[in-house]
Amino acid sequence: MGTYRVSKKQTPLIILSVVLSLFLLIVLFRQVSLSEFTETMSALFLPALLAYMAVSLAASFLRAWRYRILLQPVEISWGDILLVTLVRNAFDDLLPARIGSLSYLYVLNSRLEKPFENAASSFVIAFIYDFLTLGPFVLLALLAVGGGPAGVSAGALIAAALIFSVVVVLVAWKIALFARIARNIALWLMKKTPWIRRPAVVRAFENLDQTVAVLGEKHKPGRRPAVFLLSFLIRLGKYISLFLLLFAVLRSRGVSWEGLSFWKTVLGLTGAEMTAVLPVKGLAGFGTWESAWAAALQWMRFDPRLAILSGLGIHLVTNLFEYALALGSLAVLAVRRKRDRMGRKS
């Protein structure tokens, strides 16, 4: 069984992320006042906020269900996979390029002692299907919203979304093949360095070979419809929950339910989420997420001040909610691990 270890955080990257967050937040708060923001947050519409939490938890359950399917034949209890999912949800956007989502592998492999190759293969397939379901929503949103004032036609954006969808479908269809190609390229590059003989590198390629083999076994045609349906419902649940949270944040600013657009929210979230894959971003996405959200909404003729306030509010609430659930999950896992160790000693 391979063992996954989280590498130490690189200090320069963290410092750069903190500086970027501070800079962008200062820029945003020069356009809205801190008092405006605190007033908005103190007047959150409770029914919509609770509805956001309920739908978000339902989406997390669906995500856990999908992971449970993808981990087969490895057995894992509903409670364990839900705890792992809640941890993954919180740490997903913590570091640039979604490095934080690797917490899923760490908890499964190092804490719950599940095989690395099964954890890694389920992670890769889920990642691909998350992108696979992005295309249909973006296409529908572009058709519903149309073009913006920034000189980019809706037709060009729709064409780009279609190309993206076709590429992701191809990768999902031949996922084991593409994984094998990526592995061979990585090995070819590594052979040109003296690191190829290091034990850690050898173990890494052994784990990678096992993961590629499991990918070929797992991604069978009979399983694809269920995984795609769950992935579609997960994304739908995410959009609905954040649309409810948007209303909870802006209701006190005079925005009615009828005055909000679900499809504009989808496009705004798409723009904000794309910052998560950047090699450098604000720590936990602060600054970069809000800036991308505000820019996307303003491109769609949304009020600039409300766009900034909503971005700041949504990102703060989602982080507080998800980190609270993750910390609770980690506490449960820590207590259970300590109890299991004591049981083995006795």
Protein backbone atom coordinates (compact mmCIF):
# COMPACT_ATOMS: atom_id res chain seq x y z
CA MET A 1 0.00 0.00 0.00
CA GLY A 2 1.42 3.41 -0.95
CA THR A 3 1.42 6.11 1.67
CA TYR A 4 0.52 9.68 0.94
CA ARG A 5 2.34 12.41 2.84
CA VAL A 6 1.46 16.08 2.73
CA SER A 7 4.53 18.13 1.77
CA LYS A 8 5.54 21.07 3.93
CA LYS A 9 3.98 24.35 2.91
CA GLN A 10 6.33 26.57 1.00
CA THR A 11 6.85 29.77 2.98
CA PRO A 12 7.38 32.06 -0.06
CA LEU A 13 4.15 30.85 -1.66
CA ILE A 14 2.18 31.47 1.54
CA ILE A 15 3.72 34.93 1.97
CA LEU A 16 2.89 35.78 -1.65
CA SER A 17 -0.69 34.54 -1.18
CA VAL A 18 -1.12 36.64 1.97
CA VAL A 19 0.28 39.75 0.27
CA LEU A 20 -1.99 39.20 -2.75
CA SER A 21 -5.03 38.75 -0.50
CA LEU A 22 -4.28 41.92 1.44
CA PHE A 23 -3.68 43.94 -1.72
CA LEU A 24 -6.89 42.83 -3.45
CA LEU A 25 -9.01 43.23 -0.30
CA ILE A 26 -7.67 46.77 0.14
CA VAL A 27 -8.62 47.52 -3.47
CA LEU A 28 -12.12 46.11 -2.92
CA PHE A 29 -12.65 48.00 0.34
CA ARG A 30 -11.73 51.25 -1.40
CA GLN A 31 -14.88 50.77 -3.47
CA VAL A 32 -17.18 49.80 -0.58
CA SER A 33 -16.87 50.86 3.05
CA LEU A 34 -16.17 48.48 5.91
CA SER A 35 -19.31 49.77 7.65
CA GLU A 36 -21.40 48.84 4.58
CA PHE A 37 -20.00 45.34 4.70
CA THR A 38 -20.53 44.86 8.44
CA GLU A 39 -24.09 46.19 8.17
CA THR A 40 -24.80 43.78 5.33
CA MET A 41 -23.38 40.81 7.23
CA SER A 42 -25.26 41.68 10.43
CA ALA A 43 -28.54 41.72 8.48
CA LEU A 44 -28.29 38.33 6.75
CA PHE A 45 -31.73 36.93 5.88
CA LEU A 46 -31.92 33.93 8.22
CA PRO A 47 -34.41 31.72 6.27
CA ALA A 48 -32.30 31.93 3.11
CA LEU A 49 -29.11 31.38 5.13
CA LEU A 50 -30.53 28.21 6.72
CA ALA A 51 -31.74 27.03 3.31
CA TYR A 52 -28.20 27.53 1.96
CA MET A 53 -26.79 25.38 4.77
CA ALA A 54 -29.36 22.63 4.20
CA VAL A 55 -28.79 22.44 0.43
CA SER A 56 -25.01 22.61 0.91
CA LEU A 57 -25.10 19.67 3.33
CA ALA A 58 -27.27 17.72 0.89
CA ALA A 59 -24.71 18.36 -1.87
CA SER A 60 -21.94 17.18 0.48
CA PHE A 61 -23.86 13.96 1.10
CA LEU A 62 -24.16 13.42 -2.67
CA ARG A 63 -20.42 14.04 -3.04
CA ALA A 64 -19.72 11.49 -0.31
CA TRP A 65 -22.02 9.01 -2.07
CA ARG A 66 -20.07 9.48 -5.31
CA TYR A 67 -16.75 8.93 -3.53
CA ARG A 68 -18.15 5.79 -1.92
CA ILE A 69 -19.05 4.41 -5.35
CA LEU A 70 -15.68 5.35 -6.84
CA LEU A 71 -13.75 3.75 -3.96
CA GLN A 72 -15.28 0.31 -4.62
CA PRO A 73 -14.27 -2.46 -4.05
CA VAL A 74 -12.68 -0.77 -1.02
CA GLU A 75 -15.27 -0.63 1.74
CA ILE A 76 -15.83 2.56 3.73
CA SER A 77 -18.66 3.48 6.07
CA TRP A 78 -21.07 6.32 5.34
CA GLY A 79 -19.86 8.16 8.42
CA ASP A 80 -16.20 7.95 7.43
CA ILE A 81 -16.66 9.06 3.83
CA LEU A 82 -18.88 11.96 4.91
CA LEU A 83 -16.21 13.14 7.36
CA VAL A 84 -13.56 12.88 4.63
CA THR A 85 -15.78 14.84 2.23
CA LEU A 86 -16.39 17.66 4.71
CA VAL A 87 -12.63 18.00 5.27
CA ARG A 88 -12.01 18.01 1.53
CA ASN A 89 -14.69 20.66 0.95
CA ALA A 90 -13.01 23.10 3.32
CA PHE A 91 -9.40 22.63 2.23
CA ASP A 92 -10.18 22.46 -1.50
CA ASP A 93 -9.49 26.16 -2.14
CA LEU A 94 -7.02 26.79 0.69
CA LEU A 95 -3.88 26.72 -1.48
CA PRO A 96 -3.22 27.62 -5.15
CA ALA A 97 -3.99 25.12 -7.94
CA ARG A 98 -6.41 23.28 -5.62
CA ILE A 99 -3.52 21.65 -3.74
CA GLY A 100 -5.70 21.67 -0.63
CA SER A 101 -8.04 19.12 -2.20
CA LEU A 102 -5.26 16.55 -1.67
CA SER A 103 -6.44 16.50 1.95
CA TYR A 104 -8.91 13.91 0.63
CA LEU A 105 -6.01 11.57 -0.14
CA TYR A 106 -4.25 12.30 3.13
CA VAL A 107 -7.26 11.55 5.35
CA LEU A 108 -8.24 8.40 3.42
CA ASN A 109 -4.72 6.97 3.21
CA SER A 110 -2.99 8.14 6.39
CA ARG A 111 -5.91 8.41 8.79
CA LEU A 112 -8.36 5.74 7.58
CA GLU A 113 -5.66 3.48 6.07
CA LYS A 114 -7.34 3.01 2.70
CA PRO A 115 -5.15 1.98 -0.28
CA PHE A 116 -3.50 4.98 -1.92
CA GLU A 117 -4.23 3.80 -5.47
CA ASN A 118 -7.98 3.53 -4.78
CA ALA A 119 -8.08 6.90 -3.05
CA ALA A 120 -6.10 8.54 -5.87
CA SER A 121 -8.17 6.98 -8.66
CA SER A 122 -11.46 8.04 -7.04
CA PHE A 123 -10.03 11.55 -6.60
CA VAL A 124 -9.03 11.79 -10.28
CA ILE A 125 -12.35 10.48 -11.62
CA ALA A 126 -14.36 12.80 -9.37
CA PHE A 127 -12.20 15.73 -10.46
CA ILE A 128 -12.82 14.98 -14.15
CA TYR A 129 -16.58 14.60 -13.65
CA ASP A 130 -16.72 17.90 -11.77
CA PHE A 131 -15.40 19.58 -14.91
CA LEU A 132 -17.60 17.41 -17.13
CA THR A 133 -20.76 18.81 -15.52
CA LEU A 134 -19.46 22.39 -15.66
CA GLY A 135 -19.90 22.67 -19.43
CA PRO A 136 -23.70 22.14 -19.64
CA PHE A 137 -24.38 24.71 -16.90
CA VAL A 138 -22.10 27.31 -18.46
CA LEU A 139 -23.67 26.78 -21.89
CA LEU A 140 -27.19 27.17 -20.51
CA ALA A 141 -26.14 30.24 -18.55
CA LEU A 142 -24.57 31.88 -21.60
CA LEU A 143 -27.68 31.20 -23.67
CA ALA A 144 -29.89 32.64 -20.92
CA VAL A 145 -27.77 35.71 -20.16
CA GLY A 146 -26.34 36.50 -23.60
CA GLY A 147 -23.38 38.78 -24.21
CA GLY A 148 -22.00 41.47 -21.98
CA PRO A 149 -20.78 45.01 -22.62
CA ALA A 150 -17.11 44.07 -22.61
CA GLY A 151 -16.86 43.45 -26.36
CA VAL A 152 -16.91 39.65 -26.14
CA SER A 153 -19.78 38.10 -28.05
CA ALA A 154 -21.97 35.43 -26.52
CA GLY A 155 -21.27 33.29 -29.58
CA ALA A 156 -17.53 33.30 -28.92
CA LEU A 157 -18.07 32.35 -25.29
CA ILE A 158 -20.48 29.57 -26.22
CA ALA A 159 -17.97 28.22 -28.76
CA ALA A 160 -15.25 28.24 -26.09
CA ALA A 161 -17.56 26.44 -23.66
CA LEU A 162 -18.39 23.82 -26.30
CA ILE A 163 -14.71 23.18 -27.05
CA PHE A 164 -14.00 22.88 -23.32
CA SER A 165 -16.87 20.39 -22.93
CA VAL A 166 -15.68 18.24 -25.84
CA VAL A 167 -12.14 18.10 -24.44
CA VAL A 168 -13.38 17.10 -20.97
CA VAL A 169 -15.71 14.43 -22.42
CA LEU A 170 -12.77 12.96 -24.35
CA VAL A 171 -10.60 12.90 -21.22
CA ALA A 172 -13.40 11.32 -19.17
CA TRP A 173 -13.99 8.68 -21.86
CA LYS A 174 -10.30 7.67 -22.08
CA ILE A 175 -9.18 8.65 -18.60
CA ALA A 176 -6.85 5.68 -18.09
CA LEU A 177 -5.15 6.32 -21.44
CA PHE A 178 -4.52 9.99 -20.67
CA ALA A 179 -3.29 9.09 -17.19
CA ARG A 180 -0.85 6.60 -18.71
CA ILE A 181 0.39 9.22 -21.20
CA ALA A 182 0.88 11.73 -18.38
CA ARG A 183 2.77 9.10 -16.37
CA ASN A 184 5.07 8.32 -19.31
CA ILE A 185 5.81 12.01 -19.90
CA ALA A 186 6.58 12.52 -16.21
CA LEU A 187 8.89 9.48 -16.22
CA TRP A 188 10.66 10.70 -19.36
CA LEU A 189 11.27 14.11 -17.80
CA MET A 190 12.36 12.62 -14.49
CA LYS A 191 14.91 10.35 -16.19
CA LYS A 192 16.73 13.47 -17.33
CA THR A 193 17.39 14.40 -13.70
CA PRO A 194 19.46 12.73 -10.96
CA TRP A 195 16.30 12.45 -8.83
CA ILE A 196 15.08 9.36 -10.70
CA ARG A 197 17.00 7.05 -8.34
CA ARG A 198 15.71 8.61 -5.14
CA PRO A 199 13.57 6.22 -3.06
CA ALA A 200 10.77 8.79 -2.77
CA VAL A 201 10.59 9.18 -6.56
CA VAL A 202 10.62 5.41 -7.07
CA ARG A 203 7.75 5.02 -4.58
CA ALA A 204 5.86 7.86 -6.26
CA PHE A 205 5.98 6.13 -9.65
CA GLU A 206 5.02 2.81 -8.08
CA ASN A 207 1.95 4.50 -6.58
CA LEU A 208 1.24 6.19 -9.91
CA ASP A 209 1.43 2.88 -11.80
CA GLN A 210 -1.00 1.31 -9.33
CA THR A 211 -3.34 4.30 -9.64
CA VAL A 212 -3.35 4.11 -13.45
CA ALA A 213 -4.12 0.39 -13.27
CA VAL A 214 -7.03 1.00 -10.89
CA LEU A 215 -8.33 3.81 -13.12
CA GLY A 216 -8.60 1.36 -16.00
CA GLU A 217 -10.51 -1.11 -13.83
CA LYS A 218 -12.85 1.39 -12.19
CA HIS A 219 -13.98 3.54 -15.08
CA LYS A 220 -16.32 0.97 -16.56
CA PRO A 221 -19.27 1.99 -18.80
CA GLY A 222 -21.86 0.61 -16.38
CA ARG A 223 -20.75 2.95 -13.63
CA ARG A 224 -20.58 6.15 -15.68
CA PRO A 225 -24.31 7.10 -15.70
CA ALA A 226 -24.58 6.95 -11.89
CA VAL A 227 -21.36 8.93 -11.40
CA PHE A 228 -22.42 11.53 -13.97
CA LEU A 229 -25.89 11.90 -12.44
CA LEU A 230 -24.45 12.37 -8.96
CA SER A 231 -21.90 14.85 -10.33
CA PHE A 232 -24.67 16.80 -12.06
CA LEU A 233 -26.75 16.91 -8.87
CA ILE A 234 -23.70 17.96 -6.83
CA ARG A 235 -23.08 20.93 -9.12
CA LEU A 236 -26.77 21.83 -9.23
CA GLY A 237 -26.91 21.71 -5.44
CA LYS A 238 -23.84 23.91 -5.20
CA TYR A 239 -25.35 26.54 -7.51
CA ILE A 240 -28.72 26.49 -5.74
CA SER A 241 -27.13 26.78 -2.29
CA LEU A 242 -25.00 29.77 -3.29
CA PHE A 243 -27.92 31.44 -5.07
CA LEU A 244 -29.82 31.18 -1.77
CA LEU A 245 -26.81 32.62 0.06
CA LEU A 246 -26.61 35.48 -2.45
CA PHE A 247 -30.21 36.37 -1.60
CA ALA A 248 -29.47 36.07 2.13
CA VAL A 249 -26.61 38.57 1.77
CA LEU A 250 -28.30 41.12 -0.50
CA ARG A 251 -31.87 41.17 0.82
CA SER A 252 -30.97 43.87 3.35
CA ARG A 253 -29.60 45.98 0.47
CA GLY A 254 -33.04 46.11 -1.14
CA VAL A 255 -32.54 43.24 -3.61
CA SER A 256 -35.65 41.10 -4.11
CA TRP A 257 -35.81 37.42 -5.02
CA GLU A 258 -37.21 38.39 -8.43
CA GLY A 259 -34.34 40.82 -8.95
CA LEU A 260 -31.72 38.08 -8.90
CA SER A 261 -30.75 35.88 -11.83
CA PHE A 262 -29.83 32.24 -11.23
CA TRP A 263 -27.90 32.03 -14.50
CA LYS A 264 -25.90 35.18 -13.81
CA THR A 265 -25.02 33.61 -10.47
CA VAL A 266 -23.79 30.50 -12.30
CA LEU A 267 -21.51 32.59 -14.52
CA GLY A 268 -20.27 34.63 -11.57
CA LEU A 269 -19.44 31.46 -9.65
CA THR A 270 -17.70 29.98 -12.69
CA GLY A 271 -15.45 33.01 -12.97
CA ALA A 272 -14.71 32.98 -9.24
CA GLU A 273 -14.02 29.23 -9.16
CA MET A 274 -11.53 29.47 -12.01
CA THR A 275 -9.22 31.41 -9.69
CA ALA A 276 -8.79 28.21 -7.64
CA VAL A 277 -6.65 26.62 -10.37
CA LEU A 278 -4.26 29.58 -10.60
CA PRO A 279 -0.65 28.86 -9.55
CA VAL A 280 -0.79 31.96 -7.32
CA LYS A 281 -3.90 33.26 -5.59
CA GLY A 282 -4.97 34.79 -2.32
CA LEU A 283 -4.72 32.60 0.78
CA ALA A 284 -7.94 30.54 0.97
CA GLY A 285 -9.00 32.48 -2.12
CA PHE A 286 -9.58 35.72 -0.22
CA GLY A 287 -9.20 38.66 -2.54
CA THR A 288 -8.91 36.69 -5.77
CA TRP A 289 -12.30 34.96 -5.39
CA GLU A 290 -14.16 38.18 -4.59
CA SER A 291 -12.40 40.09 -7.37
CA ALA A 292 -13.27 37.50 -10.01
CA TRP A 293 -16.87 37.27 -8.76
CA ALA A 294 -17.30 41.06 -8.81
CA ALA A 295 -15.71 41.37 -12.26
CA ALA A 296 -17.98 38.67 -13.71
CA LEU A 297 -21.15 40.22 -12.27
CA GLN A 298 -20.17 43.73 -13.35
CA TRP A 299 -19.54 42.41 -16.86
CA MET A 300 -23.18 41.29 -16.78
CA ARG A 301 -24.29 44.82 -15.78
CA PHE A 302 -24.73 44.03 -12.07
CA ASP A 303 -24.45 46.98 -9.67
CA PRO A 304 -20.69 47.29 -8.86
CA ARG A 305 -21.14 47.93 -5.13
CA LEU A 306 -23.57 45.04 -4.72
CA ALA A 307 -21.26 42.79 -6.74
CA ILE A 308 -18.38 43.50 -4.34
CA LEU A 309 -20.49 43.26 -1.19
CA SER A 310 -22.04 39.97 -2.30
CA GLY A 311 -18.66 38.49 -3.21
CA LEU A 312 -17.17 39.41 0.16
CA GLY A 313 -20.23 38.14 2.04
CA ILE A 314 -20.65 34.86 0.17
CA HIS A 315 -16.99 33.93 0.43
CA LEU A 316 -16.82 34.74 4.14
CA VAL A 317 -19.95 32.76 5.02
CA THR A 318 -19.01 29.72 2.93
CA ASN A 319 -15.54 29.60 4.46
CA LEU A 320 -16.83 29.92 8.03
CA PHE A 321 -19.45 27.21 7.43
CA GLU A 322 -17.14 24.77 5.63
CA TYR A 323 -14.22 25.22 8.03
CA ALA A 324 -16.49 24.72 11.03
CA LEU A 325 -17.69 21.42 9.54
CA ALA A 326 -14.13 20.40 8.64
CA LEU A 327 -12.73 21.15 12.09
CA GLY A 328 -15.57 19.17 13.65
CA SER A 329 -14.85 16.28 11.28
CA LEU A 330 -11.12 16.35 12.05
CA ALA A 331 -11.90 16.35 15.77
CA VAL A 332 -14.11 13.27 15.37
CA LEU A 333 -11.41 11.50 13.34
CA ALA A 334 -8.75 12.39 15.93
CA VAL A 335 -10.84 11.10 18.84
CA ARG A 336 -11.62 7.87 17.00
CA ARG A 337 -7.97 7.35 16.07
CA LYS A 338 -6.89 7.85 19.68
CA ARG A 339 -9.57 5.43 20.86
CA ASP A 340 -8.49 2.81 18.30
CA ARG A 341 -4.85 3.11 19.39
CA MET A 342 -5.80 2.67 23.03
CA GLY A 343 -7.88 -0.37 22.09
CA ARG A 344 -4.93 -1.96 20.27
CA LYS A 345 -2.62 -1.40 23.26
CA SER A 346 -5.08 -2.98 25.65
